[in-house]
Amino acid sequence: MSEAKEAPRMPDECGVPDPMPLMHPMMRENYGKWDWHDRPRPGVLHHVAKSGDEIWTIKAGTQRQMDLHTIRKLCDIADEMADGHVRFTARSNIEYMVTDEARVDPLIEKLEGEGFPVGGTGNSISMISHTQGWLHCDIPGTDASGVVKSLMDEIYHDFKHEEMPNRVKITTSCCQINCGGQGDIAINIQHTKPPVINHDLVANVCERPAVVARCPVAAIRPALVNGKPSLEVDEKKCICCGACYPPCPPMQINDPENSVLAIWVGGKHSSTRTKPTFHKLVISGLPNNAPRWPEVAVVVKTILKAYKEDGRPWERMSEWIDRIGWPRFFEMTNLPFTKHHIEDWRGGRNALNQSTHVHF
């Protein structure tokens, strides 16, 4: 008796799902076969395939954290005016695809009427990307969503219009771990004091070896306080990064007065025109002044104004700074230059090259 061989079971797919089944039919049909594209107006992309097929993409700005009602509203707009096809971008934009140019203007009118501005393409300021903030993260020093909202209110015009020398990408991060990534302008929170330890809770809440191992500069060591197992911090080594707080909440580092904001410029991930670059510190010590953070907005708008007036066409911010030099950058932006802007890494051996193997 011969038994039919069963086909081997394929492994379950993991990671990013296959995007093809969810793609707009025309995009799927012409995948890899596009001929040319242009931007008819800010916020609109027009792609033409070699077959002659055309598709228009309308990009609108949204908040990163959305409630169910907002998501349903966006999906209802897609069902009504874009054949039910929609996608989100990495920078919290939403994009609708239509195959008829006559549907572009009504869709834009509908989106803006519902409070979703259309823009962020070409030589404009793209939507600000940000980290989770107080909603999900365990070590935020500020409300990332609030900083983004208050700042986008100030630079709304440059999101809607393509008037910059090149695209400007702004990021925000709630700590110096910088989950927001590199950006032309990056707004990060800085903790300026070591954590305050509640010794009564450490033994019951924290796994001390894990906390010791997590410190990047070996500034934490075990200790016995009031007869209880606890931890202590070498404040001369501590760089106030906040990495110890997630595994040990009794090591509180957030401080409304001493957690301040810093602004970095000149970073980019892409290799277009020039190599990727790290952003560099230009000002720190800005007050964490919720809910509008006016001091941050003033500095960001000053940097954008100087770049907009002096940058050459298609010159990213890092390229502009490389051309004019850092002394000229600080002159044009009227930002103070201090000794803290100079870092030659000579102290790196003492600060970072440390072992975390501590014997209990």
Protein backbone atom coordinates (compact mmCIF):
# COMPACT_ATOMS: atom_id res chain seq x y z
CA MET A 1 0.00 0.00 0.00
CA SER A 2 1.52 3.24 -1.12
CA GLU A 3 0.97 6.27 0.95
CA ALA A 4 0.75 9.69 -0.66
CA LYS A 5 3.52 11.92 0.54
CA GLU A 6 2.31 14.98 2.36
CA ALA A 7 3.81 18.30 1.40
CA PRO A 8 6.18 19.55 4.08
CA ARG A 9 4.65 22.12 6.36
CA MET A 10 6.09 25.54 5.61
CA PRO A 11 7.41 27.49 8.58
CA ASP A 12 5.21 30.19 10.02
CA GLU A 13 6.10 33.60 8.69
CA CYS A 14 7.58 35.98 11.23
CA GLY A 15 8.70 39.57 11.06
CA VAL A 16 7.26 42.09 8.63
CA PRO A 17 4.17 40.73 6.82
CA ASP A 18 4.02 40.55 3.04
CA PRO A 19 2.77 43.98 1.86
CA MET A 20 1.63 42.84 -1.59
CA PRO A 21 -1.90 41.62 -0.68
CA LEU A 22 -2.62 44.95 1.03
CA MET A 23 -1.19 47.15 -1.71
CA HIS A 24 -3.32 49.23 -4.04
CA PRO A 25 -4.12 47.05 -7.11
CA MET A 26 -2.50 49.49 -9.55
CA MET A 27 0.64 49.72 -7.41
CA ARG A 28 0.81 45.94 -7.20
CA GLU A 29 0.32 45.57 -10.94
CA ASN A 30 3.09 48.08 -11.75
CA TYR A 31 5.47 47.10 -8.97
CA GLY A 32 9.01 47.84 -10.15
CA LYS A 33 7.72 49.21 -13.46
CA TRP A 34 7.37 52.94 -12.74
CA ASP A 35 8.65 55.33 -15.38
CA TRP A 36 8.65 58.77 -13.75
CA HIS A 37 7.01 60.84 -11.02
CA ASP A 38 6.48 64.45 -10.00
CA ARG A 39 4.81 66.58 -7.33
CA PRO A 40 1.86 68.55 -8.72
CA ARG A 41 1.47 70.42 -5.42
CA PRO A 42 2.69 70.13 -1.82
CA GLY A 43 1.42 66.95 -0.24
CA VAL A 44 0.66 65.20 -3.55
CA LEU A 45 2.85 62.68 -5.41
CA HIS A 46 2.10 61.64 -9.00
CA HIS A 47 3.57 58.39 -10.36
CA VAL A 48 3.37 57.20 -13.99
CA ALA A 49 4.12 53.58 -14.95
CA LYS A 50 5.70 52.39 -18.17
CA SER A 51 2.30 51.00 -19.10
CA GLY A 52 0.82 54.51 -18.90
CA ASP A 53 -1.06 53.87 -15.64
CA GLU A 54 -1.14 56.85 -13.27
CA ILE A 55 -1.65 57.07 -9.53
CA TRP A 56 -1.79 60.04 -7.16
CA THR A 57 -0.73 59.81 -3.50
CA ILE A 58 -2.09 62.38 -1.03
CA LYS A 59 -0.09 62.73 2.19
CA ALA A 60 -1.63 64.15 5.35
CA GLY A 61 -0.20 64.68 8.82
CA THR A 62 -1.62 62.82 11.81
CA GLN A 63 -0.65 62.38 15.44
CA ARG A 64 1.35 59.27 16.30
CA GLN A 65 -0.91 58.10 19.10
CA MET A 66 -4.52 58.02 17.93
CA ASP A 67 -7.75 57.00 19.54
CA LEU A 68 -10.12 54.52 17.92
CA HIS A 69 -12.53 57.21 16.75
CA THR A 70 -9.77 59.05 14.82
CA ILE A 71 -8.60 55.85 13.15
CA ARG A 72 -12.17 55.04 12.12
CA LYS A 73 -12.60 58.54 10.72
CA LEU A 74 -9.45 58.17 8.60
CA CYS A 75 -10.58 54.75 7.37
CA ASP A 76 -14.05 56.07 6.55
CA ILE A 77 -12.43 58.76 4.39
CA ALA A 78 -10.46 56.03 2.60
CA ASP A 79 -13.63 53.99 2.00
CA GLU A 80 -15.52 57.01 0.74
CA MET A 81 -12.91 58.71 -1.43
CA ALA A 82 -9.91 56.39 -2.00
CA ASP A 83 -11.35 52.92 -2.70
CA GLY A 84 -10.47 51.80 0.82
CA HIS A 85 -6.70 51.94 0.33
CA VAL A 86 -4.55 53.77 2.87
CA ARG A 87 -1.13 53.41 4.47
CA PHE A 88 0.85 54.99 7.30
CA THR A 89 4.43 56.20 6.95
CA ALA A 90 7.30 55.92 9.43
CA ARG A 91 6.90 59.60 10.35
CA SER A 92 3.21 59.31 11.33
CA ASN A 93 1.79 60.55 8.04
CA ILE A 94 -1.16 58.90 6.34
CA GLU A 95 -1.27 58.40 2.57
CA TYR A 96 -4.28 57.86 0.31
CA MET A 97 -3.91 56.53 -3.25
CA VAL A 98 -6.32 57.38 -6.09
CA THR A 99 -6.17 56.62 -9.81
CA ASP A 100 -8.27 59.55 -11.01
CA GLU A 101 -6.85 63.09 -10.85
CA ALA A 102 -10.36 64.49 -10.46
CA ARG A 103 -10.54 62.86 -7.01
CA VAL A 104 -7.43 64.59 -5.66
CA ASP A 105 -8.85 68.03 -4.78
CA PRO A 106 -12.06 66.70 -3.13
CA LEU A 107 -9.95 64.32 -1.02
CA ILE A 108 -7.65 67.14 0.09
CA GLU A 109 -10.65 69.31 0.95
CA LYS A 110 -12.15 66.47 2.99
CA LEU A 111 -8.92 65.75 4.89
CA GLU A 112 -8.25 69.36 5.78
CA GLY A 113 -11.87 69.87 6.72
CA GLU A 114 -11.48 67.05 9.24
CA GLY A 115 -8.29 68.59 10.67
CA PHE A 116 -5.61 66.58 8.84
CA PRO A 117 -3.29 69.01 6.98
CA VAL A 118 -1.94 67.90 3.60
CA GLY A 119 1.78 68.52 3.06
CA GLY A 120 5.18 67.23 4.12
CA THR A 121 6.53 66.41 0.65
CA GLY A 122 9.53 67.76 -1.23
CA ASN A 123 11.47 70.67 0.24
CA SER A 124 9.28 71.10 3.28
CA ILE A 125 9.38 70.18 6.94
CA SER A 126 8.16 66.62 7.21
CA MET A 127 6.02 65.44 10.11
CA ILE A 128 8.05 65.35 13.33
CA SER A 129 8.85 61.82 14.44
CA HIS A 130 8.92 61.15 18.14
CA THR A 131 9.29 58.46 20.76
CA GLN A 132 6.55 57.07 22.97
CA GLY A 133 6.77 59.52 25.85
CA TRP A 134 4.79 58.98 29.01
CA LEU A 135 2.24 56.79 27.26
CA HIS A 136 4.46 53.69 26.88
CA CYS A 137 8.12 54.34 27.68
CA ASP A 138 9.49 53.65 31.14
CA ILE A 139 12.17 56.39 31.31
CA PRO A 140 10.77 59.49 29.57
CA GLY A 141 11.73 62.87 30.90
CA THR A 142 9.00 64.73 29.03
CA ASP A 143 5.88 64.30 26.93
CA ALA A 144 7.12 63.72 23.39
CA SER A 145 3.66 64.08 21.84
CA GLY A 146 3.20 67.44 23.54
CA VAL A 147 6.51 68.78 22.25
CA VAL A 148 5.60 67.70 18.72
CA LYS A 149 2.12 69.25 18.85
CA SER A 150 3.33 72.58 20.21
CA LEU A 151 6.20 72.79 17.71
CA MET A 152 4.12 71.77 14.67
CA ASP A 153 1.71 74.58 15.54
CA GLU A 154 4.65 76.99 15.19
CA ILE A 155 6.06 75.60 11.90
CA TYR A 156 2.75 74.65 10.28
CA HIS A 157 3.39 76.92 7.26
CA ASP A 158 6.60 75.11 6.34
CA PHE A 159 4.83 71.74 6.51
CA LYS A 160 2.24 72.98 4.02
CA HIS A 161 4.66 74.72 1.62
CA GLU A 162 7.84 73.54 -0.14
CA GLU A 163 10.04 76.56 0.59
CA MET A 164 13.08 75.00 2.29
CA PRO A 165 16.40 74.33 0.50
CA ASN A 166 15.74 70.61 1.00
CA ARG A 167 13.64 68.34 3.16
CA VAL A 168 13.90 69.01 6.89
CA LYS A 169 13.39 66.09 9.27
CA ILE A 170 12.87 66.86 12.94
CA THR A 171 12.91 64.23 15.68
CA THR A 172 12.15 64.28 19.39
CA SER A 173 13.32 61.84 22.06
CA CYS A 174 12.38 61.65 25.73
CA CYS A 175 15.92 60.86 26.88
CA GLN A 176 19.49 60.75 25.58
CA ILE A 177 19.07 57.19 24.34
CA ASN A 178 17.64 59.02 21.31
CA CYS A 179 15.09 56.51 20.02
CA GLY A 180 13.87 59.23 17.66
CA GLY A 181 16.98 58.71 15.56
CA GLN A 182 19.15 61.16 13.65
CA GLY A 183 17.50 64.33 12.37
CA ASP A 184 18.28 67.65 10.76
CA ILE A 185 17.04 68.98 14.09
CA ALA A 186 16.71 66.67 17.10
CA ILE A 187 15.09 67.66 20.39
CA ASN A 188 16.13 65.46 23.31
CA ILE A 189 15.59 65.53 27.05
CA GLN A 190 18.62 65.49 29.34
CA HIS A 191 18.62 64.32 32.94
CA THR A 192 21.16 66.45 34.80
CA LYS A 193 21.22 64.79 38.22
CA PRO A 194 21.91 61.19 39.30
CA PRO A 195 18.94 59.05 40.37
CA VAL A 196 17.47 59.44 43.85
CA ILE A 197 17.27 55.98 45.46
CA ASN A 198 14.47 54.79 47.72
CA HIS A 199 16.50 52.24 49.68
CA ASP A 200 13.44 50.78 51.41
CA LEU A 201 12.10 49.43 48.10
CA VAL A 202 15.22 48.31 46.23
CA ALA A 203 15.47 44.84 47.80
CA ASN A 204 11.81 44.04 47.08
CA VAL A 205 11.53 45.54 43.60
CA CYS A 206 14.91 45.41 41.87
CA GLU A 207 17.10 42.58 40.61
CA ARG A 208 20.34 44.19 41.70
CA PRO A 209 22.80 42.33 39.42
CA ALA A 210 20.71 43.33 36.38
CA VAL A 211 20.72 46.97 37.47
CA VAL A 212 24.47 46.95 38.01
CA ALA A 213 25.04 45.35 34.59
CA ARG A 214 22.74 47.84 32.83
CA CYS A 215 24.82 50.90 33.74
CA PRO A 216 27.04 51.78 30.73
CA VAL A 217 29.75 53.41 32.85
CA ALA A 218 29.77 51.06 35.87
CA ALA A 219 28.57 53.80 38.21
CA ILE A 220 26.21 51.52 40.20
CA ARG A 221 27.35 49.02 42.80
CA PRO A 222 25.64 46.95 45.51
CA ALA A 223 25.43 48.36 49.00
CA LEU A 224 23.93 47.68 52.40
CA VAL A 225 21.83 50.60 53.66
CA ASN A 226 20.12 50.54 57.05
CA GLY A 227 20.70 46.82 57.18
CA LYS A 228 18.88 46.23 53.88
CA PRO A 229 20.38 45.14 50.53
CA SER A 230 20.38 48.15 48.22
CA LEU A 231 22.41 49.99 45.59
CA GLU A 232 24.55 53.10 45.48
CA VAL A 233 25.65 55.41 42.67
CA ASP A 234 29.11 56.83 42.10
CA GLU A 235 28.04 60.35 41.15
CA LYS A 236 31.46 61.15 39.67
CA LYS A 237 30.94 58.43 37.06
CA CYS A 238 27.18 58.79 36.51
CA ILE A 239 26.24 60.29 33.14
CA CYS A 240 22.54 60.67 34.10
CA CYS A 241 21.31 58.54 31.20
CA GLY A 242 18.39 56.96 33.07
CA ALA A 243 19.16 53.39 31.98
CA CYS A 244 18.94 52.18 35.58
CA TYR A 245 15.34 53.30 36.10
CA PRO A 246 13.46 50.65 33.99
CA PRO A 247 14.82 47.61 35.90
CA CYS A 248 14.69 49.51 39.19
CA PRO A 249 11.89 52.10 39.57
CA PRO A 250 13.05 53.06 43.10
CA MET A 251 16.01 54.73 41.34
CA GLN A 252 13.95 57.76 40.29
CA ILE A 253 15.74 60.06 37.85
CA ASN A 254 12.90 62.18 36.44
CA ASP A 255 12.95 65.67 37.88
CA PRO A 256 10.68 68.51 36.69
CA GLU A 257 13.34 71.11 37.45
CA ASN A 258 16.57 69.34 36.57
CA SER A 259 15.48 67.38 33.48
CA VAL A 260 16.06 69.84 30.64
CA LEU A 261 15.84 69.88 26.84
CA ALA A 262 18.72 69.96 24.36
CA ILE A 263 18.76 70.59 20.61
CA TRP A 264 21.06 68.82 18.15
CA VAL A 265 21.44 69.52 14.42
CA GLY A 266 22.92 68.02 11.28
CA GLY A 267 21.97 64.35 11.46
CA LYS A 268 20.60 62.23 8.63
CA HIS A 269 20.09 58.53 7.94
CA SER A 270 20.10 58.57 4.14
CA SER A 271 23.14 58.28 1.88
CA THR A 272 21.65 60.56 -0.78
CA ARG A 273 24.22 63.15 -2.00
CA THR A 274 26.40 62.65 1.09
CA LYS A 275 27.05 59.97 3.68
CA PRO A 276 24.84 59.57 6.77
CA THR A 277 25.83 61.89 9.61
CA PHE A 278 25.38 62.12 13.37
CA HIS A 279 23.67 65.19 14.73
CA LYS A 280 25.68 67.45 17.06
CA LEU A 281 24.73 69.43 20.14
CA VAL A 282 24.10 73.16 19.66
CA ILE A 283 22.22 74.16 22.82
CA SER A 284 21.23 72.52 26.10
CA GLY A 285 19.59 73.51 29.34
CA LEU A 286 16.30 74.61 27.79
CA PRO A 287 13.54 74.38 30.41
CA ASN A 288 11.13 71.46 30.25
CA ASN A 289 8.33 73.99 30.17
CA ALA A 290 5.08 72.13 29.46
CA PRO A 291 2.57 72.36 27.90
CA ARG A 292 3.89 74.58 25.04
CA TRP A 293 7.71 74.57 25.46
CA PRO A 294 8.08 78.14 24.07
CA GLU A 295 11.86 78.26 24.58
CA VAL A 296 12.32 75.20 22.33
CA ALA A 297 10.10 76.69 19.62
CA VAL A 298 12.13 79.92 19.56
CA VAL A 299 15.43 78.09 19.03
CA VAL A 300 14.05 75.72 16.39
CA LYS A 301 12.48 78.57 14.40
CA THR A 302 15.74 80.56 14.60
CA ILE A 303 17.73 77.63 13.16
CA LEU A 304 15.14 77.03 10.44
CA LYS A 305 15.13 80.73 9.48
CA ALA A 306 18.92 80.81 9.08
CA TYR A 307 18.91 77.59 7.04
CA LYS A 308 16.02 78.77 4.87
CA GLU A 309 17.71 82.08 4.05
CA ASP A 310 21.27 80.84 3.54
CA GLY A 311 20.98 77.22 2.37
CA ARG A 312 21.54 76.45 -1.30
CA PRO A 313 19.00 74.47 -3.34
CA TRP A 314 18.97 70.75 -2.39
CA GLU A 315 21.45 71.33 0.44
CA ARG A 316 20.55 69.34 3.57
CA MET A 317 21.17 71.01 6.91
CA SER A 318 24.34 68.99 7.58
CA GLU A 319 25.71 69.99 4.16
CA TRP A 320 24.85 73.64 4.81
CA ILE A 321 26.70 73.58 8.14
CA ASP A 322 29.71 71.84 6.56
CA ARG A 323 29.84 74.59 3.92
CA ILE A 324 29.57 77.62 6.21
CA GLY A 325 31.40 76.10 9.20
CA TRP A 326 30.33 75.88 12.83
CA PRO A 327 31.56 79.36 13.83
CA ARG A 328 29.36 80.92 11.16
CA PHE A 329 26.43 78.71 12.20
CA PHE A 330 26.58 79.97 15.78
CA GLU A 331 26.87 83.56 14.53
CA MET A 332 23.82 83.26 12.27
CA THR A 333 21.66 81.61 14.93
CA ASN A 334 22.90 83.74 17.87
CA LEU A 335 23.31 80.60 19.95
CA PRO A 336 26.00 80.65 22.65
CA PHE A 337 29.10 78.54 22.01
CA THR A 338 30.62 77.10 25.19
CA LYS A 339 33.36 74.68 26.20
CA HIS A 340 30.72 71.97 26.50
CA HIS A 341 30.36 71.92 22.70
CA ILE A 342 33.94 70.65 22.36
CA GLU A 343 34.32 66.87 22.59
CA ASP A 344 37.53 65.20 21.52
CA TRP A 345 36.81 61.88 23.33
CA ARG A 346 40.00 62.03 25.41
CA GLY A 347 37.85 61.34 28.46
CA GLY A 348 36.17 58.37 26.84
CA ARG A 349 38.64 55.89 28.33
CA ASN A 350 37.72 56.97 31.86
CA ALA A 351 34.01 57.49 31.24
CA LEU A 352 32.96 54.69 28.89
CA ASN A 353 35.65 52.00 28.89
CA GLN A 354 34.60 50.46 32.19
CA SER A 355 33.75 46.91 33.22
CA THR A 356 30.41 46.16 34.85
CA HIS A 357 31.62 42.89 36.39
CA VAL A 358 31.09 43.72 40.06
CA HIS A 359 31.44 41.03 42.72
CA PHE A 360 28.62 40.82 45.27
